[in-house]
Protein backbone atom coordinates (compact mmCIF):
# COMPACT_ATOMS: atom_id res chain seq x y z
CA MET A 1 -20.11 -3.56 -2.60
CA THR A 2 -19.18 -2.64 -6.17
CA ALA A 3 -21.92 -4.21 -8.45
CA LEU A 4 -20.82 -6.05 -11.31
CA ARG A 5 -22.18 -4.00 -13.44
CA ASP A 6 -20.64 -0.81 -12.23
CA ALA A 7 -17.73 -2.35 -13.09
CA GLU A 8 -17.73 -2.24 -16.62
CA PRO A 9 -16.77 1.92 -17.65
CA PHE A 10 -13.31 0.61 -15.67
CA VAL A 11 -12.87 -2.82 -17.80
CA LEU A 12 -14.08 -1.40 -20.88
CA LEU A 13 -11.81 1.98 -20.03
CA ASN A 14 -8.65 -1.05 -20.80
CA ASP A 15 -9.23 -2.93 -22.91
CA LEU A 16 -10.14 0.07 -25.25
CA ALA A 17 -6.44 1.37 -24.21
CA TYR A 18 -4.92 -2.51 -24.68
CA VAL A 19 -6.80 -2.26 -27.76
CA SER A 20 -5.08 1.27 -28.85
CA ALA A 21 -1.70 0.35 -28.10
CA GLY A 22 -2.09 -2.49 -29.38
CA ARG A 23 0.75 -4.55 -27.05
CA ILE A 24 2.65 -4.02 -23.26
CA LEU A 25 5.29 -3.05 -23.40
CA THR A 26 8.28 -3.02 -20.15
CA VAL A 27 9.18 -0.31 -18.71
CA PRO A 28 13.24 0.42 -18.84
CA SER A 29 14.02 -0.36 -14.81
CA ASP A 30 15.72 3.04 -15.57
CA GLN A 31 12.76 4.88 -15.40
CA VAL A 32 11.23 2.66 -12.69
CA VAL A 33 11.51 4.42 -8.53
CA ARG A 34 11.29 3.07 -5.50
CA ALA A 35 10.77 4.32 -1.97
CA PRO A 36 9.59 2.64 1.28
CA ALA A 37 6.11 2.93 2.23
CA GLU A 38 4.57 4.04 5.03
CA ASP A 39 4.09 0.33 6.13
CA GLY A 40 6.83 -0.90 5.88
CA GLY A 41 6.74 -2.32 2.47
CA GLU A 42 8.38 -0.56 -0.74
CA LYS A 43 6.04 2.41 -3.27
CA VAL A 44 6.78 1.76 -7.19
CA GLY A 45 6.20 4.44 -9.91
CA ILE A 46 6.53 5.71 -13.25
CA ALA A 47 9.46 8.38 -13.51
CA GLY A 48 7.41 11.35 -15.17
CA LEU A 49 4.04 8.74 -15.06
CA ALA A 50 1.78 11.92 -12.93
CA GLY A 51 3.37 15.06 -15.28
CA GLY A 52 2.76 12.75 -18.36
CA VAL A 53 -1.50 13.05 -16.83
CA ASP A 54 -1.67 16.28 -16.24
CA GLU A 55 -0.05 17.48 -19.76
CA PHE A 56 -2.98 14.64 -21.55
CA LEU A 57 -5.48 16.18 -19.79
CA ARG A 58 -4.95 19.49 -20.08
CA THR A 59 -4.15 18.94 -23.88
CA GLY A 60 -5.33 16.02 -24.69
CA ARG A 61 -1.56 15.16 -25.99
CA LEU A 62 -0.45 11.12 -25.68
CA LEU A 63 2.42 10.60 -23.33
CA GLY A 64 3.99 8.70 -27.15
CA GLU A 65 3.17 11.82 -28.21
CA GLN A 66 5.06 13.85 -25.48
CA GLY A 67 8.03 11.93 -25.80
CA VAL A 68 7.96 10.52 -22.94
CA PRO A 69 10.76 7.74 -23.21
CA TRP A 70 8.73 4.88 -21.89
CA ALA A 71 5.84 5.45 -23.83
CA ASN A 72 4.27 3.76 -27.10
CA ARG A 73 4.16 5.94 -29.94
CA SER A 74 2.14 3.59 -31.88
CA VAL A 75 -1.29 4.26 -30.63
CA ARG A 76 -4.45 3.84 -32.78
CA PRO A 77 -7.28 6.03 -32.08
CA VAL A 78 -10.35 3.51 -30.75
CA GLY A 79 -13.84 3.70 -29.99
CA PRO A 80 -16.40 1.79 -28.14
CA GLU A 81 -16.63 -0.56 -30.50
CA ALA A 82 -13.35 -1.82 -31.57
CA VAL A 83 -13.38 -3.83 -27.45
CA THR A 84 -14.31 -6.70 -29.70
CA ASP A 85 -10.64 -6.75 -30.86
CA VAL A 86 -9.38 -7.09 -27.19
CA ARG A 87 -8.84 -10.96 -27.74
CA PRO A 88 -5.48 -10.77 -29.70
CA VAL A 89 -3.63 -8.02 -27.63
CA ILE A 90 -4.69 -10.36 -24.29
CA ASP A 91 -3.14 -12.77 -26.66
CA ALA A 92 -0.14 -11.96 -27.51
CA MET A 93 0.63 -10.08 -24.01
CA VAL A 94 0.00 -14.17 -22.33
CA GLY A 95 1.82 -16.15 -25.85
């Protein structure tokens, strides 16, 4: 069991990702990879995501900066103080 206070960094990171992006994009279906799962279900992934994350960890370049076709190219840098800006992004998502 995880205490609520232990989840705060994860929630903060995700909130700031939404604020930085300003919107949520739909990944085009031709960039979605599907494969059978060992339990009989289906695994779903995004083409280029693993390589893009590796590149980000090496260079700090975001996916949009790397030219990943489905990535958001209009992100803006934000810091922890921007977490208060997440409400409009969430409202836009649920629309």
